[in-house]
PDB file of N, CA and C in Angstrom:
ATOM      1  N   MET A   1      29.183  29.446  11.765  1.00  0.00           N
ATOM      2  CA  MET A   1      29.967  28.628  10.723  1.00  0.00           C
ATOM      3  C   MET A   1      28.882  28.572   9.569  1.00  0.00           C
ATOM      4  N   SER A   2      29.609  28.652   8.258  1.00  0.00           N
ATOM      5  CA  SER A   2      28.936  28.349   7.049  1.00  0.00           C
ATOM      6  C   SER A   2      28.449  27.009   6.743  1.00  0.00           C
ATOM      7  N   ALA A   3      27.286  27.306   5.744  1.00  0.00           N
ATOM      8  CA  ALA A   3      27.152  25.485   5.455  1.00  0.00           C
ATOM      9  C   ALA A   3      28.093  24.994   4.584  1.00  0.00           C
ATOM     10  N   HIS A   4      28.334  23.784   4.520  1.00  0.00           N
ATOM     11  CA  HIS A   4      29.074  22.924   3.439  1.00  0.00           C
ATOM     12  C   HIS A   4      28.989  23.447   2.226  1.00  0.00           C
ATOM     13  N   VAL A   5      29.686  23.968   1.039  1.00  0.00           N
ATOM     14  CA  VAL A   5      29.039  23.503  -0.470  1.00  0.00           C
ATOM     15  C   VAL A   5      29.918  22.397  -0.555  1.00  0.00           C
ATOM     16  N   CYS A   6      29.132  21.706  -1.615  1.00  0.00           N
ATOM     17  CA  CYS A   6      29.239  20.365  -2.203  1.00  0.00           C
ATOM     18  C   CYS A   6      30.315  20.898  -3.464  1.00  0.00           C
ATOM     19  N   GLY A   7      31.648  19.838  -2.969  1.00  0.00           N
ATOM     20  CA  GLY A   7      32.380  20.529  -4.451  1.00  0.00           C
ATOM     21  C   GLY A   7      33.171  21.283  -4.140  1.00  0.00           C
ATOM     22  N   GLY A   8      33.432  22.361  -2.705  1.00  0.00           N
ATOM     23  CA  GLY A   8      34.018  23.332  -2.440  1.00  0.00           C
ATOM     24  C   GLY A   8      34.493  22.965  -1.474  1.00  0.00           C
ATOM     25  N   PHE A   9      35.473  24.006  -1.148  1.00  0.00           N
ATOM     26  CA  PHE A   9      36.539  23.718   0.026  1.00  0.00           C
ATOM     27  C   PHE A   9      35.811  23.595   1.771  1.00  0.00           C
ATOM     28  N   THR A  10      36.680  22.704   2.301  1.00  0.00           N
ATOM     29  CA  THR A  10      35.865  23.109   4.161  1.00  0.00           C
ATOM     30  C   THR A  10      36.203  24.119   4.466  1.00  0.00           C
ATOM     31  N   GLU A  11      35.557  24.076   5.857  1.00  0.00           N
ATOM     32  CA  GLU A  11      36.193  25.400   6.650  1.00  0.00           C
ATOM     33  C   GLU A  11      37.857  25.088   6.743  1.00  0.00           C
ATOM     34  N   GLU A  12      38.364  26.192   6.863  1.00  0.00           N
ATOM     35  CA  GLU A  12      39.885  26.457   7.590  1.00  0.00           C
ATOM     36  C   GLU A  12      39.603  25.587   8.773  1.00  0.00           C
ATOM     37  N   ARG A  13      41.179  25.318   9.213  1.00  0.00           N
ATOM     38  CA  ARG A  13      41.039  24.454  10.778  1.00  0.00           C
ATOM     39  C   ARG A  13      42.538  24.055  10.640  1.00  0.00           C
ATOM     40  N   PRO A  14      42.897  23.770  11.680  1.00  0.00           N
ATOM     41  CA  PRO A  14      44.364  23.717  12.029  1.00  0.00           C
ATOM     42  C   PRO A  14      44.457  22.369  11.479  1.00  0.00           C
ATOM     43  N   LEU A  15      45.969  22.302  11.362  1.00  0.00           N
ATOM     44  CA  LEU A  15      46.765  20.721  10.514  1.00  0.00           C
ATOM     45  C   LEU A  15      46.284  19.633  11.040  1.00  0.00           C
ATOM     46  N   ASP A  16      45.886  18.643  10.507  1.00  0.00           N
ATOM     47  CA  ASP A  16      45.970  17.238  10.919  1.00  0.00           C
ATOM     48  C   ASP A  16      46.943  16.947  10.796  1.00  0.00           C
ATOM     49  N   GLU A  17      47.160  15.202  11.344  1.00  0.00           N
ATOM     50  CA  GLU A  17      48.174  14.067  10.769  1.00  0.00           C
ATOM     51  C   GLU A  17      47.846  14.614   9.382  1.00  0.00           C
ATOM     52  N   GLU A  18      47.003  14.146   8.847  1.00  0.00           N
ATOM     53  CA  GLU A  18      47.166  13.996   7.331  1.00  0.00           C
ATOM     54  C   GLU A  18      47.360  14.997   6.523  1.00  0.00           C
ATOM     55  N   ALA A  19      47.105  16.381   6.709  1.00  0.00           N
ATOM     56  CA  ALA A  19      47.611  17.217   6.117  1.00  0.00           C
ATOM     57  C   ALA A  19      49.093  17.805   6.690  1.00  0.00           C
ATOM     58  N   ALA A  20      49.508  17.746   7.940  1.00  0.00           N
ATOM     59  CA  ALA A  20      50.993  17.851   8.273  1.00  0.00           C
ATOM     60  C   ALA A  20      51.645  16.689   7.007  1.00  0.00           C
ATOM     61  N   GLY A  21      51.445  15.508   6.799  1.00  0.00           N
ATOM     62  CA  GLY A  21      52.133  14.825   6.459  1.00  0.00           C
ATOM     63  C   GLY A  21      52.203  15.117   4.419  1.00  0.00           C
ATOM     64  N   VAL A  22      51.043  15.642   4.502  1.00  0.00           N
ATOM     65  CA  VAL A  22      50.991  15.904   2.867  1.00  0.00           C
ATOM     66  C   VAL A  22      51.574  17.252   2.623  1.00  0.00           C
ATOM     67  N   LEU A  23      51.820  18.096   3.564  1.00  0.00           N
ATOM     68  CA  LEU A  23      52.813  19.099   3.532  1.00  0.00           C
ATOM     69  C   LEU A  23      53.988  18.762   3.504  1.00  0.00           C
ATOM     70  N   GLU A  24      54.808  17.869   4.618  1.00  0.00           N
ATOM     71  CA  GLU A  24      55.779  17.775   4.434  1.00  0.00           C
ATOM     72  C   GLU A  24      56.768  16.655   3.236  1.00  0.00           C
ATOM     73  N   SER A  25      55.471  16.274   2.574  1.00  0.00           N
ATOM     74  CA  SER A  25      55.781  15.388   1.519  1.00  0.00           C
ATOM     75  C   SER A  25      56.153  15.878   0.432  1.00  0.00           C
ATOM     76  N   CYS A  26      55.825  17.416   0.561  1.00  0.00           N
ATOM     77  CA  CYS A  26      56.339  18.169  -0.615  1.00  0.00           C
ATOM     78  C   CYS A  26      57.478  19.428  -0.592  1.00  0.00           C
ATOM     79  N   ARG A  27      58.150  19.245   0.971  1.00  0.00           N
ATOM     80  CA  ARG A  27      58.769  20.513   1.457  1.00  0.00           C
ATOM     81  C   ARG A  27      59.581  20.776   0.574  1.00  0.00           C
ATOM     82  N   ALA A  28      60.038  19.504   0.072  1.00  0.00           N
ATOM     83  CA  ALA A  28      61.925  20.473  -0.948  1.00  0.00           C
ATOM     84  C   ALA A  28      61.152  21.192  -1.964  1.00  0.00           C
ATOM     85  N   GLU A  29      59.656  20.689  -2.537  1.00  0.00           N
ATOM     86  CA  GLU A  29      59.641  21.360  -3.880  1.00  0.00           C
ATOM     87  C   GLU A  29      58.458  22.632  -3.122  1.00  0.00           C
ATOM     88  N   ILE A  30      58.002  22.791  -2.151  1.00  0.00           N
ATOM     89  CA  ILE A  30      57.844  24.104  -1.689  1.00  0.00           C
ATOM     90  C   ILE A  30      59.391  24.855  -1.235  1.00  0.00           C
ATOM     91  N   GLU A  31      60.279  24.468  -1.019  1.00  0.00           N
ATOM     92  CA  GLU A  31      61.663  24.847  -0.664  1.00  0.00           C
ATOM     93  C   GLU A  31      62.120  25.396  -1.874  1.00  0.00           C
ATOM     94  N   GLU A  32      61.761  25.080  -2.693  1.00  0.00           N
ATOM     95  CA  GLU A  32      62.583  25.503  -4.308  1.00  0.00           C
ATOM     96  C   GLU A  32      61.707  26.900  -4.186  1.00  0.00           C
ATOM     97  N   LYS A  33      60.361  26.658  -4.219  1.00  0.00           N
ATOM     98  CA  LYS A  33      59.725  27.702  -4.707  1.00  0.00           C
ATOM     99  C   LYS A  33      59.515  29.366  -3.756  1.00  0.00           C
ATOM    100  N   VAL A  34      59.710  28.690  -2.475  1.00  0.00           N
ATOM    101  CA  VAL A  34      59.652  30.217  -1.910  1.00  0.00           C
ATOM    102  C   VAL A  34      60.765  30.288  -0.797  1.00  0.00           C
ATOM    103  N   GLY A  35      61.452  29.436  -0.776  1.00  0.00           N
ATOM    104  CA  GLY A  35      62.436  29.501  -0.049  1.00  0.00           C
ATOM    105  C   GLY A  35      62.487  28.583   1.442  1.00  0.00           C
ATOM    106  N   ALA A  36      63.263  28.370   2.381  1.00  0.00           N
ATOM    107  CA  ALA A  36      63.143  27.312   3.717  1.00  0.00           C
ATOM    108  C   ALA A  36      61.999  28.213   4.849  1.00  0.00           C
ATOM    109  N   GLY A  37      61.729  27.645   5.511  1.00  0.00           N
ATOM    110  CA  GLY A  37      61.430  27.864   6.401  1.00  0.00           C
ATOM    111  C   GLY A  37      59.725  27.902   6.806  1.00  0.00           C
ATOM    112  N   TYR A  38      58.982  27.585   5.906  1.00  0.00           N
ATOM    113  CA  TYR A  38      57.699  28.003   5.664  1.00  0.00           C
ATOM    114  C   TYR A  38      57.011  26.873   6.329  1.00  0.00           C
ATOM    115  N   VAL A  39      55.877  27.550   7.107  1.00  0.00           N
ATOM    116  CA  VAL A  39      55.378  27.071   8.369  1.00  0.00           C
ATOM    117  C   VAL A  39      53.859  27.601   8.558  1.00  0.00           C
ATOM    118  N   ALA A  40      52.871  26.202   7.980  1.00  0.00           N
ATOM    119  CA  ALA A  40      51.444  26.684   7.574  1.00  0.00           C
ATOM    120  C   ALA A  40      50.797  26.062   9.416  1.00  0.00           C
ATOM    121  N   ASP A  41      49.550  26.938   9.184  1.00  0.00           N
ATOM    122  CA  ASP A  41      48.863  26.496  10.623  1.00  0.00           C
ATOM    123  C   ASP A  41      47.563  26.356  10.790  1.00  0.00           C
ATOM    124  N   ILE A  42      46.824  26.772   9.470  1.00  0.00           N
ATOM    125  CA  ILE A  42      45.808  26.379   8.628  1.00  0.00           C
ATOM    126  C   ILE A  42      45.725  25.896   7.447  1.00  0.00           C
ATOM    127  N   VAL A  43      44.674  24.645   7.329  1.00  0.00           N
ATOM    128  CA  VAL A  43      44.452  24.276   6.522  1.00  0.00           C
ATOM    129  C   VAL A  43      42.626  24.124   5.814  1.00  0.00           C
ATOM    130  N   LYS A  44      42.426  24.082   4.830  1.00  0.00           N
ATOM    131  CA  LYS A  44      41.519  23.876   4.478  1.00  0.00           C
ATOM    132  C   LYS A  44      41.163  22.555   2.929  1.00  0.00           C
ATOM    133  N   THR A  45      40.327  21.913   2.689  1.00  0.00           N
ATOM    134  CA  THR A  45      40.444  20.650   1.655  1.00  0.00           C
ATOM    135  C   THR A  45      39.412  20.691   0.552  1.00  0.00           C
ATOM    136  N   GLN A  46      39.413  19.937  -0.706  1.00  0.00           N
ATOM    137  CA  GLN A  46      38.532  20.295  -1.190  1.00  0.00           C
ATOM    138  C   GLN A  46      38.549  18.448  -1.817  1.00  0.00           C
ATOM    139  N   VAL A  47      37.380  17.533  -1.965  1.00  0.00           N
ATOM    140  CA  VAL A  47      37.707  16.697  -2.730  1.00  0.00           C
ATOM    141  C   VAL A  47      37.455  16.811  -4.017  1.00  0.00           C
ATOM    142  N   VAL A  48      38.360  16.630  -5.213  1.00  0.00           N
ATOM    143  CA  VAL A  48      38.027  16.461  -6.795  1.00  0.00           C
ATOM    144  C   VAL A  48      38.444  14.786  -6.940  1.00  0.00           C
ATOM    145  N   ALA A  49      39.292  14.675  -8.222  1.00  0.00           N
ATOM    146  CA  ALA A  49      39.405  13.224  -8.418  1.00  0.00           C
ATOM    147  C   ALA A  49      40.582  13.592  -7.454  1.00  0.00           C
ATOM    148  N   GLY A  50      41.050  13.355  -6.549  1.00  0.00           N
ATOM    149  CA  GLY A  50      42.197  13.198  -5.206  1.00  0.00           C
ATOM    150  C   GLY A  50      41.558  14.154  -4.363  1.00  0.00           C
ATOM    151  N   MET A  51      42.395  15.259  -3.596  1.00  0.00           N
ATOM    152  CA  MET A  51      42.153  15.880  -2.639  1.00  0.00           C
ATOM    153  C   MET A  51      43.009  17.062  -2.866  1.00  0.00           C
ATOM    154  N   ASN A  52      42.458  18.321  -2.761  1.00  0.00           N
ATOM    155  CA  ASN A  52      43.337  19.247  -2.858  1.00  0.00           C
ATOM    156  C   ASN A  52      43.740  19.960  -1.530  1.00  0.00           C
ATOM    157  N   PHE A  53      44.677  20.694  -1.001  1.00  0.00           N
ATOM    158  CA  PHE A  53      44.864  21.042   0.109  1.00  0.00           C
ATOM    159  C   PHE A  53      45.336  22.628   0.195  1.00  0.00           C
ATOM    160  N   SER A  54      44.605  23.324   0.402  1.00  0.00           N
ATOM    161  CA  SER A  54      45.361  24.750   0.436  1.00  0.00           C
ATOM    162  C   SER A  54      45.359  25.019   1.899  1.00  0.00           C
ATOM    163  N   TYR A  55      47.173  25.657   2.211  1.00  0.00           N
ATOM    164  CA  TYR A  55      47.806  25.668   3.740  1.00  0.00           C
ATOM    165  C   TYR A  55      47.628  27.358   3.457  1.00  0.00           C
ATOM    166  N   ARG A  56      47.731  27.690   4.859  1.00  0.00           N
ATOM    167  CA  ARG A  56      47.612  29.405   4.950  1.00  0.00           C
ATOM    168  C   ARG A  56      49.128  29.095   5.858  1.00  0.00           C
ATOM    169  N   GLY A  57      50.403  29.989   6.114  1.00  0.00           N
ATOM    170  CA  GLY A  57      51.067  29.742   6.707  1.00  0.00           C
ATOM    171  C   GLY A  57      52.220  31.192   6.761  1.00  0.00           C
ATOM    172  N   LYS A  58      53.378  31.253   7.067  1.00  0.00           N
ATOM    173  CA  LYS A  58      54.188  32.105   7.111  1.00  0.00           C
ATOM    174  C   LYS A  58      55.479  31.460   6.773  1.00  0.00           C
ATOM    175  N   LEU A  59      56.164  32.465   6.072  1.00  0.00           N
ATOM    176  CA  LEU A  59      57.774  31.791   5.977  1.00  0.00           C
ATOM    177  C   LEU A  59      58.719  32.855   6.864  1.00  0.00           C
ATOM    178  N   ALA A  60      60.112  32.210   6.906  1.00  0.00           N
ATOM    179  CA  ALA A  60      60.615  32.152   8.377  1.00  0.00           C
ATOM    180  C   ALA A  60      60.798  34.266   8.242  1.00  0.00           C
ATOM    181  N   ASN A  61      60.493  34.822   6.957  1.00  0.00           N
ATOM    182  CA  ASN A  61      61.192  36.338   7.005  1.00  0.00           C
ATOM    183  C   ASN A  61      59.441  36.987   7.698  1.00  0.00           C
ATOM    184  N   GLY A  62      58.878  36.191   7.640  1.00  0.00           N
ATOM    185  CA  GLY A  62      57.400  36.846   8.270  1.00  0.00           C
ATOM    186  C   GLY A  62      56.634  37.394   8.004  1.00  0.00           C
ATOM    187  N   LYS A  63      56.555  36.858   6.128  1.00  0.00           N
ATOM    188  CA  LYS A  63      55.918  37.250   4.758  1.00  0.00           C
ATOM    189  C   LYS A  63      54.707  35.854   4.756  1.00  0.00           C
ATOM    190  N   HIS A  64      53.603  36.263   4.876  1.00  0.00           N
ATOM    191  CA  HIS A  64      52.765  35.233   4.370  1.00  0.00           C
ATOM    192  C   HIS A  64      52.753  34.450   3.327  1.00  0.00           C
ATOM    193  N   ALA A  65      51.970  33.417   3.365  1.00  0.00           N
ATOM    194  CA  ALA A  65      52.247  32.633   1.969  1.00  0.00           C
ATOM    195  C   ALA A  65      51.255  31.492   2.035  1.00  0.00           C
ATOM    196  N   SER A  66      50.674  31.190   0.900  1.00  0.00           N
ATOM    197  CA  SER A  66      49.832  29.992   1.078  1.00  0.00           C
ATOM    198  C   SER A  66      50.265  29.232  -0.198  1.00  0.00           C
ATOM    199  N   VAL A  67      49.894  27.935   0.015  1.00  0.00           N
ATOM    200  CA  VAL A  67      50.570  26.731  -0.795  1.00  0.00           C
ATOM    201  C   VAL A  67      49.297  25.788  -1.124  1.00  0.00           C
ATOM    202  N   LYS A  68      49.235  25.456  -2.397  1.00  0.00           N
ATOM    203  CA  LYS A  68      48.119  24.625  -2.486  1.00  0.00           C
ATOM    204  C   LYS A  68      48.841  23.446  -3.126  1.00  0.00           C
ATOM    205  N   ILE A  69      48.265  22.401  -2.426  1.00  0.00           N
ATOM    206  CA  ILE A  69      49.061  20.807  -3.017  1.00  0.00           C
ATOM    207  C   ILE A  69      47.769  20.434  -3.354  1.00  0.00           C
ATOM    208  N   PHE A  70      48.218  19.236  -4.428  1.00  0.00           N
ATOM    209  CA  PHE A  70      47.147  18.201  -5.246  1.00  0.00           C
ATOM    210  C   PHE A  70      47.894  17.001  -4.435  1.00  0.00           C
ATOM    211  N   ARG A  71      46.680  16.065  -4.009  1.00  0.00           N
ATOM    212  CA  ARG A  71      47.231  14.572  -4.040  1.00  0.00           C
ATOM    213  C   ARG A  71      46.104  13.654  -4.650  1.00  0.00           C
ATOM    214  N   PRO A  72      46.475  12.701  -6.065  1.00  0.00           N
ATOM    215  CA  PRO A  72      45.815  12.231  -6.509  1.00  0.00           C
ATOM    216  C   PRO A  72      44.941  11.246  -6.132  1.00  0.00           C
ATOM    217  N   LEU A  73      44.506  10.145  -6.489  1.00  0.00           N
ATOM    218  CA  LEU A  73      43.882   9.314  -5.939  1.00  0.00           C
ATOM    219  C   LEU A  73      44.701   8.293  -5.838  1.00  0.00           C
ATOM    220  N   PRO A  74      45.012   7.234  -4.899  1.00  0.00           N
ATOM    221  CA  PRO A  74      45.711   6.340  -4.564  1.00  0.00           C
ATOM    222  C   PRO A  74      46.116   5.280  -5.880  1.00  0.00           C
ATOM    223  N   HIS A  75      44.988   4.871  -6.598  1.00  0.00           N
ATOM    224  CA  HIS A  75      45.011   4.096  -7.497  1.00  0.00           C
ATOM    225  C   HIS A  75      46.349   4.621  -8.801  1.00  0.00           C
ATOM    226  N   THR A  76      46.058   5.928  -9.288  1.00  0.00           N
ATOM    227  CA  THR A  76      47.614   6.644  -9.576  1.00  0.00           C
ATOM    228  C   THR A  76      48.858   6.402  -9.101  1.00  0.00           C
ATOM    229  N   ASN A  77      49.079   6.080  -8.075  1.00  0.00           N
ATOM    230  CA  ASN A  77      50.395   5.924  -7.648  1.00  0.00           C
ATOM    231  C   ASN A  77      51.050   7.039  -8.026  1.00  0.00           C
ATOM    232  N   GLN A  78      50.765   8.485  -7.682  1.00  0.00           N
ATOM    233  CA  GLN A  78      51.337   9.515  -7.977  1.00  0.00           C
ATOM    234  C   GLN A  78      51.370  10.058  -6.853  1.00  0.00           C
ATOM    235  N   PRO A  79      52.463  10.829  -6.771  1.00  0.00           N
ATOM    236  CA  PRO A  79      53.159  11.256  -5.247  1.00  0.00           C
ATOM    237  C   PRO A  79      52.270  13.118  -5.083  1.00  0.00           C
ATOM    238  N   PRO A  80      51.528  13.628  -4.037  1.00  0.00           N
ATOM    239  CA  PRO A  80      51.586  14.857  -4.114  1.00  0.00           C
ATOM    240  C   PRO A  80      52.033  15.966  -4.760  1.00  0.00           C
ATOM    241  N   ARG A  81      51.692  16.915  -5.017  1.00  0.00           N
ATOM    242  CA  ARG A  81      52.680  17.925  -5.922  1.00  0.00           C
ATOM    243  C   ARG A  81      51.810  19.417  -5.844  1.00  0.00           C
ATOM    244  N   VAL A  82      53.227  20.197  -5.500  1.00  0.00           N
ATOM    245  CA  VAL A  82      52.470  21.921  -5.319  1.00  0.00           C
ATOM    246  C   VAL A  82      51.799  22.156  -6.639  1.00  0.00           C
ATOM    247  N   THR A  83      50.982  22.715  -6.377  1.00  0.00           N
ATOM    248  CA  THR A  83      50.113  23.665  -7.427  1.00  0.00           C
ATOM    249  C   THR A  83      49.819  24.798  -7.708  1.00  0.00           C
ATOM    250  N   ASN A  84      49.730  25.498  -6.625  1.00  0.00           N
ATOM    251  CA  ASN A  84      49.810  27.090  -6.597  1.00  0.00           C
ATOM    252  C   ASN A  84      50.741  27.607  -5.094  1.00  0.00           C
ATOM    253  N   VAL A  85      51.336  28.614  -5.656  1.00  0.00           N
ATOM    254  CA  VAL A  85      52.095  29.385  -4.443  1.00  0.00           C
ATOM    255  C   VAL A  85      51.973  30.651  -4.279  1.00  0.00           C
ATOM    256  N   LEU A  86      51.844  31.268  -3.306  1.00  0.00           N
ATOM    257  CA  LEU A  86      51.715  32.963  -3.075  1.00  0.00           C
ATOM    258  C   LEU A  86      52.261  33.327  -1.820  1.00  0.00           C
ATOM    259  N   VAL A  87      53.139  34.207  -2.420  1.00  0.00           N
ATOM    260  CA  VAL A  87      53.853  34.978  -0.979  1.00  0.00           C
ATOM    261  C   VAL A  87      53.250  36.480  -1.102  1.00  0.00           C
ATOM    262  N   ALA A  88      53.055  36.959  -0.243  1.00  0.00           N
ATOM    263  CA  ALA A  88      52.844  38.401   0.007  1.00  0.00           C
ATOM    264  C   ALA A  88      53.380  39.104   1.268  1.00  0.00           C
ATOM    265  N   SER A  89      53.201  40.405   1.317  1.00  0.00           N
ATOM    266  CA  SER A  89      53.532  40.864   2.699  1.00  0.00           C
ATOM    267  C   SER A  89      52.700  41.657   2.927  1.00  0.00           C
ATOM    268  N   VAL A  90      52.194  41.843   4.418  1.00  0.00           N
ATOM    269  CA  VAL A  90      51.053  42.858   4.892  1.00  0.00           C
ATOM    270  C   VAL A  90      51.482  44.204   5.631  1.00  0.00           C
ATOM    271  N   GLU A  91      51.152  44.874   5.524  1.00  0.00           N
ATOM    272  CA  GLU A  91      51.182  46.161   6.421  1.00  0.00           C
ATOM    273  C   GLU A  91      49.996  46.961   6.264  1.00  0.00           C
ATOM    274  N   GLY A  92      49.444  46.778   7.551  1.00  0.00           N
ATOM    275  CA  GLY A  92      48.352  47.387   8.332  1.00  0.00           C
ATOM    276  C   GLY A  92      47.289  46.425   7.274  1.00  0.00           C
ATOM    277  N   ASP A  93      46.388  47.215   6.402  1.00  0.00           N
ATOM    278  CA  ASP A  93      45.158  47.050   5.189  1.00  0.00           C
ATOM    279  C   ASP A  93      45.812  46.658   4.205  1.00  0.00           C
ATOM    280  N   THR A  94      46.736  46.764   4.071  1.00  0.00           N
ATOM    281  CA  THR A  94      47.416  46.449   2.440  1.00  0.00           C
ATOM    282  C   THR A  94      48.512  44.878   2.763  1.00  0.00           C
ATOM    283  N   MET A  95      47.741  44.330   1.362  1.00  0.00           N
ATOM    284  CA  MET A  95      48.482  42.804   0.997  1.00  0.00           C
ATOM    285  C   MET A  95      49.215  43.481  -0.229  1.00  0.00           C
ATOM    286  N   THR A  96      50.810  43.348  -0.274  1.00  0.00           N
ATOM    287  CA  THR A  96      51.717  43.056  -1.303  1.00  0.00           C
ATOM    288  C   THR A  96      52.051  41.915  -2.013  1.00  0.00           C
ATOM    289  N   VAL A  97      51.459  41.230  -3.284  1.00  0.00           N
ATOM    290  CA  VAL A  97      51.901  39.944  -3.756  1.00  0.00           C
ATOM    291  C   VAL A  97      53.070  39.916  -4.350  1.00  0.00           C
ATOM    292  N   GLU A  98      54.197  39.148  -3.265  1.00  0.00           N
ATOM    293  CA  GLU A  98      55.502  39.858  -4.450  1.00  0.00           C
ATOM    294  C   GLU A  98      55.530  38.489  -5.219  1.00  0.00           C
ATOM    295  N   LYS A  99      55.166  36.978  -4.787  1.00  0.00           N
ATOM    296  CA  LYS A  99      55.147  36.101  -5.581  1.00  0.00           C
ATOM    297  C   LYS A  99      54.431  35.101  -5.961  1.00  0.00           C
ATOM    298  N   MET A 100      54.024  34.873  -7.521  1.00  0.00           N
ATOM    299  CA  MET A 100      52.891  34.427  -7.543  1.00  0.00           C
ATOM    300  C   MET A 100      53.562  32.978  -8.553  1.00  0.00           C
ATOM    301  N   TRP A 101      52.947  31.584  -8.328  1.00  0.00           N
ATOM    302  CA  TRP A 101      53.158  30.501  -9.067  1.00  0.00           C
ATOM    303  C   TRP A 101      52.009  29.596  -9.243  1.00  0.00           C
ATOM    304  N   ASP A 102      51.993  29.331 -10.359  1.00  0.00           N
ATOM    305  CA  ASP A 102      50.752  28.197 -10.504  1.00  0.00           C
ATOM    306  C   ASP A 102      50.722  27.460 -11.231  1.00  0.00           C
ATOM    307  N   GLU A 103      51.053  25.886 -11.022  1.00  0.00           N
ATOM    308  CA  GLU A 103      51.105  25.137 -12.223  1.00  0.00           C
ATOM    309  C   GLU A 103      50.250  25.195 -13.779  1.00  0.00           C
ATOM    310  N   ALA A 104      49.271  25.603 -13.369  1.00  0.00           N
ATOM    311  CA  ALA A 104      48.116  25.717 -14.993  1.00  0.00           C
ATOM    312  C   ALA A 104      48.755  26.752 -15.881  1.00  0.00           C
ATOM    313  N   VAL A 105      49.413  27.922 -15.153  1.00  0.00           N
ATOM    314  CA  VAL A 105      49.719  28.914 -16.025  1.00  0.00           C
ATOM    315  C   VAL A 105      51.204  28.557 -16.183  1.00  0.00           C
ATOM    316  N   GLN A 106      52.091  28.133 -15.403  1.00  0.00           N
ATOM    317  CA  GLN A 106      53.679  27.434 -16.023  1.00  0.00           C
ATOM    318  C   GLN A 106      53.624  26.633 -16.938  1.00  0.00           C
ATOM    319  N   GLY A 107      52.478  25.461 -16.856  1.00  0.00           N
ATOM    320  CA  GLY A 107      52.215  24.824 -17.966  1.00  0.00           C
ATOM    321  C   GLY A 107      52.068  24.951 -18.975  1.00  0.00           C
ATOM    322  N   ALA A 108      50.880  25.777 -19.310  1.00  0.00           N
ATOM    323  CA  ALA A 108      50.625  26.810 -20.496  1.00  0.00           C
ATOM    324  C   ALA A 108      51.718  27.689 -20.979  1.00  0.00           C
ATOM    325  N   ALA A 109      52.768  27.895 -20.248  1.00  0.00           N
ATOM    326  CA  ALA A 109      53.624  28.732 -20.537  1.00  0.00           C
ATOM    327  C   ALA A 109      54.705  28.204 -21.475  1.00  0.00           C
ATOM    328  N   ALA A 110      54.902  27.104 -20.800  1.00  0.00           N
ATOM    329  CA  ALA A 110      55.831  25.984 -21.610  1.00  0.00           C
ATOM    330  C   ALA A 110      55.646  25.401 -22.711  1.00  0.00           C
ATOM    331  N   GLU A 111      54.376  25.246 -23.131  1.00  0.00           N
ATOM    332  CA  GLU A 111      53.868  24.771 -24.387  1.00  0.00           C
ATOM    333  C   GLU A 111      54.296  25.630 -25.582  1.00  0.00           C
TER     334      GLU A 111
END
């Protein structure tokens, strides 16, 4: 087990009730970006001006997917939102990124 880094992500762990709830609150947005059937089994978190949740799991088609969700601080009255998605296929030691979406990049492209 490695030491915790201030400002960094926690160690990966199985989803708890809080992490599962945040994931479910963004289910429609996730499915819009990667399709139906995303199941996460691992999460790590990072405290920022709110909380980042980084999930690792698979899609119904067997492809690997990671999803990042930002949950703002409660006083903002803003809901959690998906900030990053990566879908990849893995064969042996080779990972092929098939889809990547990032809020910062997409937002900059829209401006």
